[in-house]
Amino acid sequence: MKRLLTAAFTLIVAAAAQAGVTIEQWTTGNGTRVNFVAAPTLPMLDVQVDFAAGSMFDPAGKSGLAALTRGVLDLGAGARDETAIAEQLADLGAQLSGSADTDRASVTLRTLTTKDKLDPALAVLRDVLHQPHFDAAIFEREKARTIAGLKDAMTRPDSIAGKAFWEALYPGHPYGRQASPESVATLSRDDVAAFHGRFYNAANAQISLVGQLTRQQAEAIAEQLSAALPAGTPAELPPAPAAARAAVSAIGHPASQAHIYLGLPAIERGHPDYFPLLVGNYTLGGGGFVSRLVKEVRDKRGFAYSVYSYFAPLRQTGPFQIGLQTQRKQAREAIRVVRSVLGEFVAQGPSEEELAAAKANLSGSFPLRLDSNAKLLANVAAIGFYGLPADYLERYREKVEAVTAAEVKAAFARHVVPGKLVTVTVAAD
């Protein structure tokens, strides 16, 4: 029965995705932007509060502060300590989670919408947002865990490559500043409290709700959450990243496999070239076994089990990246083949057959991105945070289908210049 109910729910949400998603938007009296999607199928609410408080706002010399602040945020708040929060959420059947990435920090709550569950779950969320304890002992514990994790990561070639790649892509920009054991070791509880006080405010926040609510109920919840925050001011973005410039970094490591990253800063969220780049990248390296990179690097030459490419648009110019692993002795030749495939694609663009296949896959698989309330919430929150059109989900497949081969070629020529690639290798001969 449980499997049948799960399957039925999945079909219902998928059908809703096919029909389109209506996002209602407004601003609370305290200045917080709100996005709401009514999802009446199940008596559940998913709510996410986003703050422009990601790692791009870490002060110089204090990389890791945004992540550590988010990490200790819900470990004691209001009248509840860490254990009391966990126990109450368990009793309510609610889940509190979240994360911090490059651009934003998020707090997410999932709860039933019956009053005896919803009200106390939202009370916990309000306290976490506004009255975190930042207990000194817990702070030191989480700081030590973070340092240990970073030290472990820096023994692994993939982590070493990723850190070096971002540093090379964004020299002098906050996107390029990566947390290290040394930077986290300098952080204090006062740093965390100050970061929270500056960025966790109503003007710097966004609330997204998906669930079995009326518009009136959604407005009331949003007002309560927003009112629990100080008014504050929006975060100021740093200057835009510098234009792409070529760089090569080779890092020694005893691993048997070379880890290779190539890329450059390419595109920000909401750029009109996003859909041509998305569709084109499916053919280049985003389409799995049917992509050109896989055919040339894996199938024809056996250099790598997996090779991929993707665009990661951010608040400011996010990266285009190609990644693969290969035997140490094959690294140079693998890079040569990757550059050749990329150069040819940028020069010629996709064939009409490749374009049709890319559109069919991206359009056909789109409902799977919305087949649960959690996935829908993630999309709605991103749309609101990055200022995308409210009808973005409704028009997604239309935008994909409208892309032409000429638009793909032109967009790649503007954003992916092979001569400006950053190349990072770890453990290559």
Protein backbone atom coordinates (compact mmCIF):
# COMPACT_ATOMS: atom_id res chain seq x y z
CA MET A 1 0.00 0.00 0.00
CA LYS A 2 2.81 2.40 0.86
CA ARG A 3 4.39 1.78 -2.54
CA LEU A 4 1.08 2.32 -4.28
CA LEU A 5 0.53 5.60 -2.47
CA THR A 6 4.05 6.76 -3.32
CA ALA A 7 3.57 5.85 -6.98
CA ALA A 8 0.19 7.58 -7.10
CA PHE A 9 1.61 10.72 -5.53
CA THR A 10 4.50 10.74 -8.00
CA LEU A 11 2.06 10.47 -10.91
CA ILE A 12 -0.08 13.28 -9.52
CA VAL A 13 2.91 15.63 -9.07
CA ALA A 14 4.26 14.70 -12.51
CA ALA A 15 0.88 15.53 -14.02
CA ALA A 16 0.95 18.87 -12.23
CA ALA A 17 4.41 19.51 -13.66
CA GLN A 18 3.06 18.80 -17.14
CA ALA A 19 0.23 21.26 -16.55
CA GLY A 20 2.52 24.00 -15.32
CA VAL A 21 3.32 25.52 -11.94
CA THR A 22 1.81 28.79 -10.77
CA ILE A 23 4.12 30.76 -8.50
CA GLU A 24 2.52 33.57 -6.50
CA GLN A 25 4.88 36.28 -5.31
CA TRP A 26 4.64 39.18 -2.86
CA THR A 27 6.62 41.05 -0.19
CA THR A 28 5.93 40.95 3.54
CA GLY A 29 5.46 44.05 5.66
CA ASN A 30 9.02 43.60 6.93
CA GLY A 31 10.46 43.60 3.41
CA THR A 32 10.95 39.87 2.76
CA ARG A 33 10.20 38.48 -0.69
CA VAL A 34 7.84 35.49 -0.78
CA ASN A 35 7.18 32.74 -3.35
CA PHE A 36 4.22 30.41 -2.89
CA VAL A 37 2.93 27.36 -4.77
CA ALA A 38 -0.27 25.71 -3.61
CA ALA A 39 0.14 21.92 -3.60
CA PRO A 40 -3.11 20.54 -2.15
CA THR A 41 -2.48 16.83 -2.77
CA LEU A 42 -1.02 16.00 0.65
CA PRO A 43 -1.35 17.71 4.06
CA MET A 44 2.27 18.84 4.05
CA LEU A 45 4.22 22.07 3.93
CA ASP A 46 7.77 22.60 2.69
CA VAL A 47 9.16 26.02 3.52
CA GLN A 48 12.61 27.38 2.76
CA VAL A 49 14.12 30.63 3.98
CA ASP A 50 17.08 31.80 1.90
CA PHE A 51 19.53 34.53 2.82
CA ALA A 52 22.15 36.17 0.61
CA ALA A 53 24.72 34.81 3.06
CA GLY A 54 26.81 32.31 1.13
CA SER A 55 30.58 32.02 0.99
CA MET A 56 30.85 34.98 -1.40
CA PHE A 57 30.20 37.14 1.66
CA ASP A 58 32.99 35.63 3.77
CA PRO A 59 35.31 38.43 4.91
CA ALA A 60 38.84 38.30 3.57
CA GLY A 61 40.91 35.94 5.68
CA LYS A 62 37.81 34.29 7.18
CA SER A 63 36.81 31.82 4.46
CA GLY A 64 34.43 29.24 5.87
CA LEU A 65 32.53 31.69 8.08
CA ALA A 66 29.26 31.51 6.11
CA ALA A 67 29.24 27.71 6.19
CA LEU A 68 30.09 27.52 9.88
CA THR A 69 27.41 30.09 10.74
CA ARG A 70 24.80 28.04 8.94
CA GLY A 71 26.14 24.85 10.47
CA VAL A 72 25.59 25.97 14.08
CA LEU A 73 22.41 27.97 13.42
CA ASP A 74 19.92 25.25 14.42
CA LEU A 75 21.96 23.67 17.24
CA GLY A 76 20.06 25.44 20.00
CA ALA A 77 17.66 28.40 19.73
CA GLY A 78 15.13 30.23 21.86
CA ALA A 79 14.12 28.18 24.89
CA ARG A 80 15.42 24.92 23.36
CA ASP A 81 18.89 23.49 23.38
CA GLU A 82 20.27 21.27 20.62
CA THR A 83 18.70 18.11 22.07
CA ALA A 84 15.31 19.71 22.70
CA ILE A 85 15.07 20.90 19.09
CA ALA A 86 15.87 17.43 17.76
CA GLU A 87 13.40 15.76 20.13
CA GLN A 88 10.55 18.16 19.39
CA LEU A 89 10.99 17.84 15.65
CA ALA A 90 11.03 14.05 15.99
CA ASP A 91 7.81 14.13 18.05
CA LEU A 92 6.17 16.32 15.39
CA GLY A 93 7.41 14.22 12.49
CA ALA A 94 9.01 17.37 11.09
CA GLN A 95 12.40 17.82 9.45
CA LEU A 96 14.68 20.84 9.71
CA SER A 97 17.63 21.07 7.35
CA GLY A 98 19.52 23.50 5.15
CA SER A 99 22.88 24.38 3.69
CA ALA A 100 25.22 27.16 2.66
CA ASP A 101 26.67 27.39 -0.83
CA THR A 102 28.51 30.02 -2.83
CA ASP A 103 25.62 32.52 -3.00
CA ARG A 104 23.15 31.74 -0.25
CA ALA A 105 22.42 30.09 3.07
CA SER A 106 19.15 28.19 3.47
CA VAL A 107 16.98 26.87 6.27
CA THR A 108 14.31 24.34 5.23
CA LEU A 109 11.39 22.92 7.18
CA ARG A 110 9.09 20.05 6.21
CA THR A 111 6.02 19.50 8.37
CA LEU A 112 2.43 18.29 8.31
CA THR A 113 -0.14 21.04 7.98
CA THR A 114 -2.49 19.92 10.75
CA LYS A 115 -2.54 22.69 13.33
CA ASP A 116 -1.09 20.58 16.15
CA LYS A 117 1.96 19.85 13.98
CA LEU A 118 2.32 23.00 11.92
CA ASP A 119 2.25 25.65 14.66
CA PRO A 120 4.95 24.14 16.92
CA ALA A 121 7.16 23.27 13.93
CA LEU A 122 6.99 26.86 12.69
CA ALA A 123 7.77 28.08 16.21
CA VAL A 124 11.01 26.10 16.12
CA LEU A 125 11.86 27.59 12.74
CA ARG A 126 11.21 31.13 13.97
CA ASP A 127 13.51 30.65 16.94
CA VAL A 128 16.26 29.16 14.78
CA LEU A 129 16.12 32.13 12.43
CA HIS A 130 16.02 34.82 15.08
CA GLN A 131 17.36 33.46 18.37
CA PRO A 132 20.15 30.97 17.73
CA HIS A 133 22.27 30.31 20.80
CA PHE A 134 25.66 29.89 19.12
CA ASP A 135 26.64 28.02 22.29
CA ALA A 136 30.40 28.31 22.81
CA ALA A 137 30.97 24.60 23.40
CA ILE A 138 28.90 23.60 20.38
CA PHE A 139 30.64 26.22 18.26
CA GLU A 140 34.06 24.80 19.18
CA ARG A 141 32.86 21.26 18.48
CA GLU A 142 31.55 22.15 15.01
CA LYS A 143 34.62 24.23 14.25
CA ALA A 144 36.84 21.25 15.10
CA ARG A 145 34.72 18.98 12.91
CA THR A 146 34.97 21.44 10.04
CA ILE A 147 38.74 21.66 10.33
CA ALA A 148 39.05 17.87 10.46
CA GLY A 149 36.86 17.55 7.37
CA LEU A 150 38.90 20.10 5.47
CA LYS A 151 42.16 18.37 6.41
CA ASP A 152 40.77 15.07 5.18
CA ALA A 153 39.49 16.64 1.96
CA MET A 154 42.91 18.05 1.17
CA THR A 155 44.35 14.53 1.01
CA ARG A 156 41.98 13.61 -1.82
CA PRO A 157 42.94 14.55 -5.39
CA ASP A 158 39.39 15.50 -6.40
CA SER A 159 39.10 18.00 -3.53
CA ILE A 160 42.56 19.38 -4.19
CA ALA A 161 41.68 19.86 -7.86
CA GLY A 162 38.34 21.50 -7.09
CA LYS A 163 39.87 23.99 -4.67
CA ALA A 164 42.67 24.88 -7.08
CA PHE A 165 40.22 25.16 -9.96
CA TRP A 166 38.02 27.76 -8.24
CA GLU A 167 41.05 29.70 -7.04
CA ALA A 168 42.38 29.83 -10.60
CA LEU A 169 38.99 30.74 -12.11
CA TYR A 170 38.37 33.64 -9.73
CA PRO A 171 41.65 35.23 -8.62
CA GLY A 172 40.95 38.18 -6.35
CA HIS A 173 37.20 37.47 -6.20
CA PRO A 174 35.28 35.93 -3.27
CA TYR A 175 34.22 32.99 -5.47
CA GLY A 176 37.88 32.01 -5.56
CA ARG A 177 38.44 32.15 -1.81
CA GLN A 178 38.12 28.63 -0.46
CA ALA A 179 37.87 27.57 3.17
CA SER A 180 40.99 25.94 4.60
CA PRO A 181 41.93 24.50 8.00
CA GLU A 182 43.94 27.66 8.59
CA SER A 183 41.13 30.09 7.73
CA VAL A 184 38.55 28.23 9.83
CA ALA A 185 40.98 28.04 12.75
CA THR A 186 40.90 31.85 12.97
CA LEU A 187 37.10 32.00 13.36
CA SER A 188 35.49 32.84 16.69
CA ARG A 189 32.00 32.64 18.09
CA ASP A 190 31.86 36.45 17.86
CA ASP A 191 32.58 36.19 14.11
CA VAL A 192 29.61 33.87 13.70
CA ALA A 193 27.31 36.09 15.76
CA ALA A 194 28.37 39.16 13.77
CA PHE A 195 27.89 37.41 10.43
CA HIS A 196 24.42 36.29 11.51
CA GLY A 197 23.56 39.78 12.68
CA ARG A 198 24.60 41.32 9.36
CA PHE A 199 23.09 38.90 6.86
CA TYR A 200 20.21 37.06 8.54
CA ASN A 201 17.64 39.84 8.28
CA ALA A 202 14.28 40.39 6.59
CA ALA A 203 15.54 42.60 3.76
CA ASN A 204 18.21 40.03 2.89
CA ALA A 205 15.82 37.07 3.05
CA GLN A 206 13.40 35.23 0.83
CA ILE A 207 10.69 32.80 1.91
CA SER A 208 9.43 30.02 -0.37
CA LEU A 209 6.44 27.85 0.50
CA VAL A 210 5.06 24.77 -1.26
CA GLY A 211 2.20 22.85 0.28
CA GLN A 212 -1.40 22.44 1.27
CA LEU A 213 -2.08 26.08 2.12
CA THR A 214 -4.40 28.80 0.95
CA ARG A 215 -2.91 32.12 -0.13
CA GLN A 216 -4.22 33.62 3.11
CA GLN A 217 -2.50 30.95 5.22
CA ALA A 218 0.74 31.35 3.24
CA GLU A 219 0.67 35.11 3.81
CA ALA A 220 0.16 34.64 7.55
CA ILE A 221 3.08 32.19 7.83
CA ALA A 222 5.36 34.41 5.77
CA GLU A 223 4.51 37.42 7.92
CA GLN A 224 5.28 35.47 11.09
CA LEU A 225 8.65 34.29 9.80
CA SER A 226 9.59 37.69 8.44
CA ALA A 227 8.51 39.50 11.60
CA ALA A 228 10.86 37.27 13.61
CA LEU A 229 13.79 38.81 11.74
CA PRO A 230 15.32 42.26 12.17
CA ALA A 231 14.54 44.57 9.25
CA GLY A 232 18.17 44.99 8.16
CA THR A 233 19.47 45.80 4.68
CA PRO A 234 20.21 43.66 1.60
CA ALA A 235 23.74 42.33 1.18
CA GLU A 236 25.97 44.30 -1.17
CA LEU A 237 27.52 42.23 -3.93
CA PRO A 238 31.28 42.44 -4.50
CA PRO A 239 32.59 43.72 -7.85
CA ALA A 240 32.02 41.30 -10.71
CA PRO A 241 34.68 38.67 -11.40
CA ALA A 242 37.44 39.59 -13.81
CA ALA A 243 37.19 38.44 -17.42
CA ALA A 244 38.35 34.92 -18.19
CA ARG A 245 42.06 34.41 -18.72
CA ALA A 246 44.04 31.27 -19.47
CA ALA A 247 45.94 29.55 -16.67
CA VAL A 248 47.52 26.15 -16.16
CA SER A 249 48.10 24.51 -12.79
CA ALA A 250 49.70 21.07 -12.32
CA ILE A 251 49.68 19.69 -8.77
CA GLY A 252 51.62 16.62 -7.77
CA HIS A 253 49.95 13.72 -5.96
CA PRO A 254 50.68 9.98 -5.60
CA ALA A 255 47.22 8.92 -6.84
CA SER A 256 47.13 6.47 -9.76
CA GLN A 257 44.42 8.49 -11.53
CA ALA A 258 44.91 12.04 -12.77
CA HIS A 259 42.06 14.43 -11.98
CA ILE A 260 41.54 17.04 -14.68
CA TYR A 261 39.35 20.16 -14.69
CA LEU A 262 39.07 22.65 -17.54
CA GLY A 263 36.82 25.70 -17.64
CA LEU A 264 36.32 29.42 -17.30
CA PRO A 265 33.86 31.94 -15.78
CA ALA A 266 30.95 31.89 -18.22
CA ILE A 267 27.45 33.03 -17.25
CA GLU A 268 25.31 34.45 -14.45
CA ARG A 269 21.77 33.40 -13.49
CA GLY A 270 19.07 34.87 -15.69
CA HIS A 271 21.32 35.52 -18.70
CA PRO A 272 19.39 35.28 -22.00
CA ASP A 273 22.02 32.87 -23.39
CA TYR A 274 21.28 30.27 -20.71
CA PHE A 275 18.93 28.11 -22.77
CA PRO A 276 21.16 27.98 -25.89
CA LEU A 277 24.08 27.02 -23.64
CA LEU A 278 21.99 24.42 -21.80
CA VAL A 279 20.79 22.80 -25.00
CA GLY A 280 24.22 22.93 -26.62
CA ASN A 281 25.96 21.48 -23.59
CA TYR A 282 23.77 18.38 -23.76
CA THR A 283 25.51 17.52 -27.03
CA LEU A 284 28.96 18.57 -25.85
CA GLY A 285 29.22 16.83 -22.50
CA GLY A 286 25.97 16.98 -20.56
CA GLY A 287 24.12 14.15 -22.28
CA GLY A 288 25.95 11.21 -20.78
CA PHE A 289 26.82 8.43 -23.21
CA VAL A 290 25.46 10.32 -26.23
CA SER A 291 27.66 13.38 -25.74
CA ARG A 292 30.62 14.17 -27.98
CA LEU A 293 33.10 14.19 -25.11
CA VAL A 294 32.07 10.69 -24.01
CA LYS A 295 32.22 9.36 -27.55
CA GLU A 296 35.68 10.77 -28.23
CA VAL A 297 37.34 10.45 -24.82
CA ARG A 298 35.75 7.26 -23.50
CA ASP A 299 34.31 5.25 -26.37
CA LYS A 300 36.96 5.79 -29.05
CA ARG A 301 40.07 6.04 -26.88
CA GLY A 302 39.22 4.55 -23.50
CA PHE A 303 40.85 7.44 -21.65
CA ALA A 304 38.17 7.80 -18.99
CA TYR A 305 35.12 6.03 -17.63
CA SER A 306 33.34 9.35 -17.21
CA VAL A 307 33.82 12.78 -18.79
CA TYR A 308 31.31 15.60 -18.48
CA SER A 309 30.69 19.30 -18.97
CA TYR A 310 28.21 21.72 -17.44
CA PHE A 311 27.37 25.37 -16.84
CA ALA A 312 26.80 26.50 -13.24
CA PRO A 313 25.31 30.01 -13.40
CA LEU A 314 25.53 31.93 -10.13
CA ARG A 315 24.53 35.33 -8.74
CA GLN A 316 27.61 36.60 -10.51
CA THR A 317 29.40 34.93 -13.42
CA GLY A 318 29.43 31.19 -12.70
CA PRO A 319 31.71 28.60 -14.29
CA PHE A 320 31.66 26.38 -17.33
CA GLN A 321 33.50 23.20 -16.41
CA ILE A 322 34.75 20.01 -18.04
CA GLY A 323 35.93 17.22 -15.77
CA LEU A 324 37.43 13.75 -16.11
CA GLN A 325 39.79 11.24 -14.54
CA THR A 326 42.34 9.21 -16.47
CA GLN A 327 45.57 7.30 -16.01
CA ARG A 328 48.47 9.55 -15.12
CA LYS A 329 50.38 8.77 -18.29
CA GLN A 330 47.35 9.58 -20.47
CA ALA A 331 46.56 12.98 -18.98
CA ARG A 332 48.27 15.10 -21.63
CA GLU A 333 46.65 13.27 -24.52
CA ALA A 334 43.25 13.28 -22.81
CA ILE A 335 43.45 17.06 -22.39
CA ARG A 336 44.42 17.42 -26.04
CA VAL A 337 41.36 15.42 -27.14
CA VAL A 338 39.04 17.37 -24.83
CA ARG A 339 40.32 20.67 -26.20
CA SER A 340 39.91 19.40 -29.76
CA VAL A 341 36.30 18.32 -29.17
CA LEU A 342 35.47 21.60 -27.45
CA GLY A 343 37.13 23.69 -30.17
CA GLU A 344 35.27 21.89 -32.90
CA PHE A 345 31.94 22.27 -31.12
CA VAL A 346 32.45 25.98 -30.48
CA ALA A 347 33.39 26.50 -34.13
CA GLN A 348 30.59 24.45 -35.67
CA GLY A 349 27.82 24.04 -33.10
CA PRO A 350 25.53 21.01 -33.01
CA SER A 351 24.07 19.22 -35.99
CA GLU A 352 20.31 19.34 -36.48
CA GLU A 353 20.10 15.72 -35.34
CA GLU A 354 22.05 16.47 -32.17
CA LEU A 355 19.92 19.54 -31.52
CA ALA A 356 16.68 17.55 -31.85
CA ALA A 357 17.97 14.85 -29.50
CA ALA A 358 19.03 17.43 -26.91
CA LYS A 359 15.66 19.15 -26.98
CA ALA A 360 13.78 15.86 -26.72
CA ASN A 361 15.76 14.79 -23.67
CA LEU A 362 15.71 18.10 -21.83
CA SER A 363 12.04 18.68 -22.51
CA GLY A 364 10.96 15.11 -21.86
CA SER A 365 12.85 14.76 -18.59
CA PHE A 366 11.72 18.12 -17.23
CA PRO A 367 8.73 16.78 -15.21
CA LEU A 368 11.16 14.63 -13.21
CA ARG A 369 12.61 17.86 -11.82
CA LEU A 370 9.23 18.59 -10.23
CA ASP A 371 8.03 15.14 -9.17
CA SER A 372 8.08 15.89 -5.45
CA ASN A 373 7.29 18.89 -3.28
CA ALA A 374 10.92 19.03 -2.19
CA LYS A 375 12.14 19.30 -5.79
CA LEU A 376 9.46 21.85 -6.55
CA LEU A 377 10.50 23.90 -3.51
CA ALA A 378 14.14 23.87 -4.63
CA ASN A 379 13.17 25.19 -8.06
CA VAL A 380 10.79 27.82 -6.69
CA ALA A 381 13.38 29.04 -4.18
CA ALA A 382 16.03 29.35 -6.89
CA ILE A 383 13.63 31.25 -9.16
CA GLY A 384 12.88 33.75 -6.42
CA PHE A 385 16.41 34.13 -5.11
CA TYR A 386 17.93 34.74 -8.53
CA GLY A 387 15.11 36.97 -9.77
CA LEU A 388 14.01 34.68 -12.60
CA PRO A 389 10.56 35.18 -14.15
CA ALA A 390 7.66 33.75 -12.15
CA ASP A 391 6.59 31.75 -15.22
CA TYR A 392 10.08 30.20 -15.59
CA LEU A 393 8.88 26.65 -14.92
CA GLU A 394 5.81 27.01 -17.12
CA ARG A 395 7.90 28.25 -20.04
CA TYR A 396 10.96 26.03 -19.54
CA ARG A 397 10.12 23.52 -22.26
CA GLU A 398 8.97 26.26 -24.61
CA LYS A 399 12.35 27.98 -24.17
CA VAL A 400 14.20 24.72 -24.80
CA GLU A 401 12.20 23.93 -27.93
CA ALA A 402 12.78 27.41 -29.36
CA VAL A 403 16.59 27.13 -29.38
CA THR A 404 18.23 26.97 -32.80
CA ALA A 405 21.61 25.56 -33.82
CA ALA A 406 22.73 29.06 -34.79
CA GLU A 407 21.84 30.35 -31.31
CA VAL A 408 23.83 27.56 -29.68
CA LYS A 409 26.88 28.33 -31.82
CA ALA A 410 26.64 32.07 -31.13
CA ALA A 411 26.17 31.61 -27.37
CA PHE A 412 29.16 29.28 -27.08
CA ALA A 413 31.28 31.70 -29.11
CA ARG A 414 30.39 34.48 -26.64
CA HIS A 415 30.91 32.56 -23.42
CA VAL A 416 33.34 29.68 -24.06
CA VAL A 417 36.63 30.82 -25.58
CA PRO A 418 38.97 27.79 -25.75
CA GLY A 419 42.03 30.01 -25.66
CA LYS A 420 41.02 31.32 -22.23
CA LEU A 421 40.49 27.98 -20.48
CA VAL A 422 41.82 27.37 -17.01
CA THR A 423 43.34 23.88 -16.78
CA VAL A 424 44.01 22.16 -13.45
CA THR A 425 45.51 18.69 -13.13
CA VAL A 426 46.26 16.71 -10.00
CA ALA A 427 48.42 13.56 -10.16
CA ALA A 428 49.24 13.83 -13.85
CA ASP A 429 52.63 12.73 -15.25
